[in-house]
């Protein structure tokens, strides 16, 4: 028998143990597991185990490892056969701008040159000064509302023509004209803005462009009504909320406090999979315009990156990948990550300057929904 009245921290500790052992466990899965334990009122350890299998969803090939960790944590058994090859990488972490918890530990080592891509996690802080992109971003902010990508909504509006007949308005007219239908009324679906999701690579190889990318996303968040922004390096961090601040310097300064992996390693595939592993994050990409600002220098498994982009392509309306390497007229996708992901991208464009990024986003926004 297992004591289900023990402190909740013991159960939460098991989820933390799984993440330390390389299992992808989202906070929602942990909450679902705890809710299942409370709802079902299990009488034995196997009930707890089955609830964990159903909600924490271990990979079939690692089910034995999962059970061994479960036994070690709850029954005091010794977990055997879990020793993996030594690695300096940690599982990808996802953080939100609304999260409350301990402040991230900032490392002393950072990439100074920004010339190399690595998979090692290095935590650091950044300070941003105002750049000279103001006029370009002001023109972009003025042009975007009229060209933002839209989709048909569920509400109707009156129209001069269209396939739909507005029967309600016709009945109201008839009540004013002795029951006679004197005019054929038409209606059409209202248009709603598509959500725009931006993923910014903040690794060392993109160090020189990070500030410009954040300034661009600040203008984008201020100009459009539905935008979500994430940074990715060795971690995934949601920074939408601070970018909604009106003052750009204040917005960038607040966002810099949330991101702990500035100028660190590059694990694009892990970051995209971490994005997809959190249900509320993945839901943001459904039907959205997805913009990735990255050089695509993946240091991890390019197959994982391709699989993640393929899954995103099935969710999103459009995916455009803007890389500074495309500023070269002779640019071709040659890195293993970009070559693997290229078939799933709707556009691979120039992200070498604010002008080119704004131009590509406006072109995408002009495409028919």
Protein backbone atom coordinates (compact mmCIF):
# COMPACT_ATOMS: atom_id res chain seq x y z
CA UNK A 1 0.00 0.00 0.00
CA UNK A 2 1.14 3.53 -0.74
CA UNK A 3 0.22 6.44 1.47
CA UNK A 4 -1.56 8.96 -0.79
CA UNK A 5 -1.89 11.38 2.11
CA UNK A 6 1.83 12.06 2.16
CA UNK A 7 2.88 15.64 1.26
CA UNK A 8 2.21 16.60 -2.34
CA UNK A 9 5.87 17.55 -2.69
CA UNK A 10 6.72 13.84 -2.76
CA UNK A 11 4.61 13.34 -5.88
CA UNK A 12 5.87 16.52 -7.51
CA UNK A 13 9.39 15.33 -6.73
CA UNK A 14 8.82 12.28 -8.90
CA UNK A 15 7.98 14.51 -11.88
CA UNK A 16 11.20 16.45 -11.23
CA UNK A 17 13.13 13.18 -11.07
CA UNK A 18 11.70 12.19 -14.46
CA UNK A 19 12.79 15.47 -16.03
CA UNK A 20 16.29 15.05 -14.58
CA UNK A 21 16.40 11.63 -16.21
CA UNK A 22 15.52 12.96 -19.65
CA UNK A 23 11.74 12.46 -19.72
CA UNK A 24 9.65 15.29 -21.19
CA UNK A 25 7.08 16.05 -18.49
CA UNK A 26 5.06 19.26 -18.84
CA UNK A 27 3.55 21.00 -15.80
CA UNK A 28 0.05 20.22 -17.12
CA UNK A 29 0.86 16.51 -17.10
CA UNK A 30 1.98 16.69 -13.47
CA UNK A 31 -1.25 18.49 -12.51
CA UNK A 32 -3.31 15.92 -14.43
CA UNK A 33 -1.55 13.11 -12.57
CA UNK A 34 -2.22 14.69 -9.19
CA UNK A 35 -5.85 15.33 -10.13
CA UNK A 36 -6.20 11.69 -11.21
CA UNK A 37 -4.82 10.46 -7.89
CA UNK A 38 -7.28 12.64 -5.99
CA UNK A 39 -10.22 11.70 -8.20
CA UNK A 40 -9.68 7.95 -8.34
CA UNK A 41 -8.67 7.46 -4.73
CA UNK A 42 -6.17 4.66 -5.46
CA UNK A 43 -5.71 1.87 -2.94
CA UNK A 44 -2.31 0.62 -4.00
CA UNK A 45 0.94 1.51 -5.67
CA UNK A 46 -0.11 -0.05 -8.99
CA UNK A 47 -3.04 2.38 -9.21
CA UNK A 48 -0.59 5.26 -8.81
CA UNK A 49 1.67 3.70 -11.44
CA UNK A 50 -1.16 3.28 -13.95
CA UNK A 51 -2.24 6.89 -13.41
CA UNK A 52 1.36 7.98 -14.02
CA UNK A 53 1.51 5.94 -17.25
CA UNK A 54 -1.71 7.55 -18.50
CA UNK A 55 -0.90 11.16 -17.66
CA UNK A 56 2.89 11.44 -17.74
CA UNK A 57 3.02 9.44 -21.00
CA UNK A 58 6.49 7.85 -20.99
CA UNK A 59 7.88 6.73 -24.35
CA UNK A 60 7.19 3.03 -24.97
CA UNK A 61 10.89 2.30 -25.42
CA UNK A 62 11.66 3.87 -22.01
CA UNK A 63 8.79 2.36 -20.05
CA UNK A 64 11.14 0.06 -18.14
CA UNK A 65 13.28 3.05 -17.10
CA UNK A 66 10.13 4.90 -16.04
CA UNK A 67 8.99 1.99 -13.84
CA UNK A 68 12.44 1.64 -12.31
CA UNK A 69 12.44 5.31 -11.33
CA UNK A 70 8.91 4.94 -9.96
CA UNK A 71 9.97 1.99 -7.79
CA UNK A 72 13.08 3.83 -6.59
CA UNK A 73 11.13 6.94 -5.65
CA UNK A 74 8.00 5.44 -4.08
CA UNK A 75 9.10 1.98 -2.92
CA UNK A 76 12.72 2.61 -2.09
CA UNK A 77 13.92 0.09 -4.68
CA UNK A 78 17.31 0.60 -6.29
CA UNK A 79 17.00 1.79 -9.88
CA UNK A 80 19.25 -0.29 -12.08
CA UNK A 81 20.21 -0.02 -15.70
CA UNK A 82 19.55 3.71 -15.85
CA UNK A 83 23.14 4.83 -16.23
CA UNK A 84 23.47 6.70 -19.47
CA UNK A 85 26.50 7.90 -21.35
CA UNK A 86 27.97 11.01 -19.71
CA UNK A 87 26.57 14.21 -21.21
CA UNK A 88 26.94 17.87 -20.34
CA UNK A 89 23.46 18.65 -21.68
CA UNK A 90 20.35 19.10 -19.58
CA UNK A 91 16.81 18.44 -20.76
CA UNK A 92 15.28 21.46 -22.44
CA UNK A 93 13.33 23.64 -20.01
CA UNK A 94 10.33 25.82 -20.80
CA UNK A 95 9.58 28.96 -18.85
CA UNK A 96 6.80 31.53 -18.99
CA UNK A 97 6.85 35.26 -18.47
CA UNK A 98 4.06 34.80 -15.91
CA UNK A 99 5.84 32.10 -13.94
CA UNK A 100 6.82 32.69 -10.33
CA UNK A 101 9.75 30.81 -8.92
CA UNK A 102 13.40 31.10 -7.97
CA UNK A 103 15.48 33.52 -9.99
CA UNK A 104 17.64 31.78 -12.60
CA UNK A 105 21.31 31.36 -11.81
CA UNK A 106 23.41 33.46 -14.15
CA UNK A 107 26.74 32.04 -15.25
CA UNK A 108 29.97 33.98 -15.51
CA UNK A 109 30.93 32.57 -18.90
CA UNK A 110 29.33 33.81 -22.10
CA UNK A 111 30.15 33.71 -25.79
CA UNK A 112 32.15 36.82 -26.56
CA UNK A 113 32.51 36.39 -30.29
CA UNK A 114 29.15 34.87 -31.14
CA UNK A 115 30.82 33.11 -34.05
CA UNK A 116 30.31 29.50 -33.04
CA UNK A 117 27.26 27.43 -32.31
CA UNK A 118 27.35 24.97 -29.44
CA UNK A 119 24.90 22.75 -27.60
CA UNK A 120 26.29 23.51 -24.11
CA UNK A 121 24.08 25.53 -21.78
CA UNK A 122 25.60 28.78 -20.55
CA UNK A 123 23.42 31.11 -18.52
CA UNK A 124 23.96 34.85 -18.63
CA UNK A 125 22.19 38.19 -18.41
CA UNK A 126 21.94 40.86 -21.11
CA UNK A 127 21.41 44.62 -21.13
CA UNK A 128 20.00 46.32 -24.20
CA UNK A 129 20.46 49.89 -25.40
CA UNK A 130 18.23 51.66 -27.88
CA UNK A 131 19.26 51.06 -31.49
CA UNK A 132 18.78 53.12 -34.64
CA UNK A 133 15.99 51.00 -36.14
CA UNK A 134 13.27 53.38 -34.97
CA UNK A 135 12.13 54.80 -38.31
CA UNK A 136 12.04 51.41 -40.03
CA UNK A 137 10.01 49.92 -37.19
CA UNK A 138 7.62 52.90 -37.18
CA UNK A 139 6.91 52.41 -40.90
CA UNK A 140 6.44 48.69 -40.28
CA UNK A 141 4.02 49.31 -37.40
CA UNK A 142 1.95 51.67 -39.55
CA UNK A 143 1.78 49.25 -42.49
CA UNK A 144 1.10 46.03 -40.59
CA UNK A 145 -2.53 46.54 -39.39
CA UNK A 146 -3.81 46.81 -42.97
CA UNK A 147 -1.78 43.79 -44.14
CA UNK A 148 -1.87 41.49 -41.13
CA UNK A 149 -2.85 37.89 -42.05
CA UNK A 150 -6.53 37.19 -41.42
CA UNK A 151 -8.90 34.26 -41.41
CA UNK A 152 -12.65 33.84 -41.49
CA UNK A 153 -14.23 34.03 -38.07
CA UNK A 154 -17.45 32.50 -36.75
CA UNK A 155 -19.45 35.73 -36.59
CA UNK A 156 -21.39 37.18 -39.52
CA UNK A 157 -21.68 40.69 -40.87
CA UNK A 158 -23.85 42.36 -43.49
CA UNK A 159 -22.48 42.41 -47.03
CA UNK A 160 -23.44 43.68 -50.47
CA UNK A 161 -22.96 40.23 -51.94
CA UNK A 162 -21.95 36.74 -50.98
CA UNK A 163 -23.26 33.19 -50.74
CA UNK A 164 -25.01 33.65 -47.39
CA UNK A 165 -28.55 35.02 -47.05
CA UNK A 166 -29.25 37.13 -43.97
CA UNK A 167 -32.65 35.65 -43.09
CA UNK A 168 -32.88 37.45 -39.76
CA UNK A 169 -32.60 40.91 -41.30
CA UNK A 170 -35.01 39.93 -44.08
CA UNK A 171 -37.63 38.87 -41.50
CA UNK A 172 -37.18 42.14 -39.62
CA UNK A 173 -37.69 44.04 -42.90
CA UNK A 174 -40.79 42.00 -43.67
CA UNK A 175 -42.32 42.92 -40.30
CA UNK A 176 -42.10 46.57 -41.33
CA UNK A 177 -43.65 45.92 -44.78
CA UNK A 178 -46.82 43.95 -44.04
CA UNK A 179 -45.04 40.62 -44.27
CA UNK A 180 -43.56 41.26 -47.72
CA UNK A 181 -39.92 40.47 -48.50
CA UNK A 182 -38.93 43.56 -50.45
CA UNK A 183 -35.14 43.14 -50.46
CA UNK A 184 -32.69 40.24 -50.53
CA UNK A 185 -30.14 40.65 -47.75
CA UNK A 186 -26.67 39.09 -47.89
CA UNK A 187 -24.07 38.34 -45.22
CA UNK A 188 -20.49 37.09 -44.96
CA UNK A 189 -18.11 35.89 -42.29
CA UNK A 190 -16.18 38.47 -40.33
CA UNK A 191 -12.40 38.38 -40.74
CA UNK A 192 -10.21 37.89 -37.69
CA UNK A 193 -6.49 38.40 -37.36
CA UNK A 194 -4.42 35.26 -37.34
CA UNK A 195 -2.19 34.78 -34.33
CA UNK A 196 1.49 35.45 -35.01
CA UNK A 197 4.04 33.35 -33.09
CA UNK A 198 7.70 34.43 -33.12
CA UNK A 199 10.60 32.21 -32.02
CA UNK A 200 13.88 34.10 -31.51
CA UNK A 201 17.22 32.30 -31.44
CA UNK A 202 19.27 33.88 -28.61
CA UNK A 203 22.30 31.58 -28.90
CA UNK A 204 25.87 32.80 -29.14
CA UNK A 205 25.93 32.62 -32.94
CA UNK A 206 23.04 35.13 -33.07
CA UNK A 207 24.44 37.45 -30.39
CA UNK A 208 24.94 40.46 -32.65
CA UNK A 209 21.32 40.42 -33.84
CA UNK A 210 19.44 39.64 -30.63
CA UNK A 211 18.73 43.28 -29.75
CA UNK A 212 17.38 44.06 -33.24
CA UNK A 213 15.16 40.99 -33.14
CA UNK A 214 13.70 41.99 -29.78
CA UNK A 215 13.10 45.53 -31.04
CA UNK A 216 11.28 44.08 -34.05
CA UNK A 217 9.07 41.84 -31.91
CA UNK A 218 8.27 44.79 -29.61
CA UNK A 219 7.00 46.73 -32.64
CA UNK A 220 5.10 43.65 -33.83
CA UNK A 221 3.40 43.10 -30.47
CA UNK A 222 2.40 46.76 -30.32
CA UNK A 223 1.05 46.83 -33.91
CA UNK A 224 -0.89 43.54 -33.99
CA UNK A 225 -3.57 42.32 -31.61
CA UNK A 226 -2.56 38.67 -31.21
CA UNK A 227 1.19 37.97 -31.01
CA UNK A 228 3.20 35.50 -28.90
CA UNK A 229 7.00 35.68 -28.56
CA UNK A 230 9.43 33.03 -27.31
CA UNK A 231 13.22 32.90 -27.07
CA UNK A 232 15.14 29.69 -27.61
CA UNK A 233 18.73 28.70 -27.02
CA UNK A 234 19.31 25.97 -24.49
CA UNK A 235 15.92 26.86 -22.95
CA UNK A 236 12.53 28.00 -24.16
CA UNK A 237 11.15 31.19 -22.56
CA UNK A 238 7.91 33.06 -23.22
CA UNK A 239 8.48 36.84 -23.17
CA UNK A 240 5.19 38.14 -24.59
CA UNK A 241 4.04 40.03 -21.51
CA UNK A 242 7.03 42.41 -21.06
CA UNK A 243 7.03 43.21 -24.78
CA UNK A 244 3.54 44.67 -24.42
CA UNK A 245 4.99 47.61 -22.48
CA UNK A 246 4.75 50.84 -24.45
CA UNK A 247 8.32 52.01 -23.87
CA UNK A 248 10.75 49.91 -25.90
CA UNK A 249 13.72 50.36 -23.57
CA UNK A 250 11.63 49.31 -20.58
CA UNK A 251 10.13 46.37 -22.50
CA UNK A 252 13.52 45.02 -23.58
CA UNK A 253 15.00 45.53 -20.12
CA UNK A 254 12.16 43.59 -18.49
CA UNK A 255 12.38 40.79 -21.06
CA UNK A 256 16.14 40.50 -20.49
CA UNK A 257 15.48 39.58 -16.84
CA UNK A 258 13.32 36.61 -17.84
CA UNK A 259 15.75 34.94 -20.23
CA UNK A 260 18.65 33.09 -18.59
CA UNK A 261 20.33 31.55 -21.65
CA UNK A 262 21.49 34.62 -23.59
CA UNK A 263 24.46 33.94 -25.91
CA UNK A 264 24.61 30.26 -24.92
CA UNK A 265 24.33 27.06 -26.89
CA UNK A 266 22.10 26.11 -29.80
CA UNK A 267 19.53 23.32 -29.40
CA UNK A 268 16.84 24.30 -31.88
CA UNK A 269 15.28 20.85 -32.18
CA UNK A 270 15.00 20.50 -28.41
CA UNK A 271 13.51 24.00 -28.11
CA UNK A 272 10.86 23.32 -30.76
CA UNK A 273 10.00 19.98 -29.16
CA UNK A 274 9.74 21.70 -25.76
CA UNK A 275 7.34 24.20 -27.36
CA UNK A 276 5.21 21.36 -28.74
CA UNK A 277 5.34 19.39 -25.46
CA UNK A 278 3.45 22.10 -23.54
CA UNK A 279 -0.19 21.88 -24.68
CA UNK A 280 -1.00 25.56 -24.17
CA UNK A 281 2.08 26.55 -26.18
CA UNK A 282 1.33 24.13 -29.01
CA UNK A 283 -2.26 25.44 -29.15
CA UNK A 284 -0.86 28.90 -29.91
CA UNK A 285 0.59 27.60 -33.18
CA UNK A 286 -2.70 26.18 -34.47
CA UNK A 287 -3.66 28.19 -37.55
CA UNK A 288 -0.99 30.79 -36.74
CA UNK A 289 1.68 32.52 -38.78
CA UNK A 290 4.94 31.18 -37.31
CA UNK A 291 8.13 33.26 -37.69
CA UNK A 292 11.52 31.80 -36.73
CA UNK A 293 14.49 34.18 -36.45
CA UNK A 294 17.52 31.88 -36.43
CA UNK A 295 20.62 31.01 -38.41
CA UNK A 296 19.63 27.32 -38.21
CA UNK A 297 23.04 26.21 -36.91
CA UNK A 298 21.69 23.21 -35.01
CA UNK A 299 24.25 21.40 -32.86
CA UNK A 300 21.88 18.64 -31.83
CA UNK A 301 20.19 15.92 -33.84
CA UNK A 302 18.96 17.42 -37.18
CA UNK A 303 16.31 14.68 -37.36
CA UNK A 304 14.73 15.98 -34.14
CA UNK A 305 14.69 19.48 -35.60
CA UNK A 306 13.08 18.25 -38.84
CA UNK A 307 10.44 16.24 -36.95
CA UNK A 308 9.55 19.26 -34.81
CA UNK A 309 9.26 21.56 -37.85
CA UNK A 310 7.11 18.95 -39.59
CA UNK A 311 4.73 18.86 -36.62
CA UNK A 312 4.60 22.64 -36.53
CA UNK A 313 3.86 22.72 -40.27
CA UNK A 314 0.79 20.58 -39.65
CA UNK A 315 -0.41 23.02 -36.98
CA UNK A 316 0.53 26.43 -38.36
CA UNK A 317 -0.90 28.35 -41.30
CA UNK A 318 2.52 29.45 -42.57
CA UNK A 319 6.10 28.98 -41.35
CA UNK A 320 8.74 31.46 -42.44
CA UNK A 321 12.34 31.02 -41.35
CA UNK A 322 14.49 34.16 -41.55
CA UNK A 323 18.22 33.60 -41.30
CA UNK A 324 21.00 36.21 -41.51
CA UNK A 325 22.96 33.80 -43.68
CA UNK A 326 20.45 34.41 -46.50
CA UNK A 327 21.75 37.99 -46.85
CA UNK A 328 24.40 36.48 -49.13
CA UNK A 329 22.96 36.34 -52.71
CA UNK A 330 24.59 32.93 -53.20
CA UNK A 331 23.04 31.51 -50.01
CA UNK A 332 21.82 27.91 -50.04
CA UNK A 333 20.54 25.84 -47.12
CA UNK A 334 23.55 23.62 -46.43
CA UNK A 335 23.53 23.03 -42.68
CA UNK A 336 22.14 19.66 -41.66
CA UNK A 337 19.31 21.23 -39.64
CA UNK A 338 18.08 23.59 -42.36
CA UNK A 339 18.41 20.96 -45.08
CA UNK A 340 16.26 18.59 -43.03
CA UNK A 341 13.67 21.26 -42.16
CA UNK A 342 13.53 23.04 -45.55
CA UNK A 343 10.73 20.88 -47.09
CA UNK A 344 8.35 21.96 -44.32
CA UNK A 345 9.02 25.72 -44.54
CA UNK A 346 6.76 27.99 -46.57
CA UNK A 347 9.57 30.52 -46.90
CA UNK A 348 13.28 30.63 -46.13
CA UNK A 349 14.23 34.28 -46.30
CA UNK A 350 16.76 36.95 -45.44
CA UNK A 351 16.89 37.86 -41.76
CA UNK A 352 20.13 39.81 -41.91
CA UNK A 353 18.62 43.23 -41.18
CA UNK A 354 15.51 44.86 -39.72
CA UNK A 355 14.52 46.07 -43.21
CA UNK A 356 14.60 42.56 -44.67
CA UNK A 357 12.74 41.05 -41.70
CA UNK A 358 9.98 43.66 -41.89
CA UNK A 359 9.72 43.20 -45.66
CA UNK A 360 9.42 39.42 -45.39
CA UNK A 361 6.78 39.64 -42.65
CA UNK A 362 4.70 42.16 -44.63
CA UNK A 363 4.94 39.97 -47.73
CA UNK A 364 3.76 36.97 -45.72
CA UNK A 365 0.95 39.06 -44.23
CA UNK A 366 -0.23 39.96 -47.73
CA UNK A 367 -0.69 36.33 -48.77
CA UNK A 368 -4.27 35.18 -49.03
CA UNK A 369 -5.59 33.42 -45.95
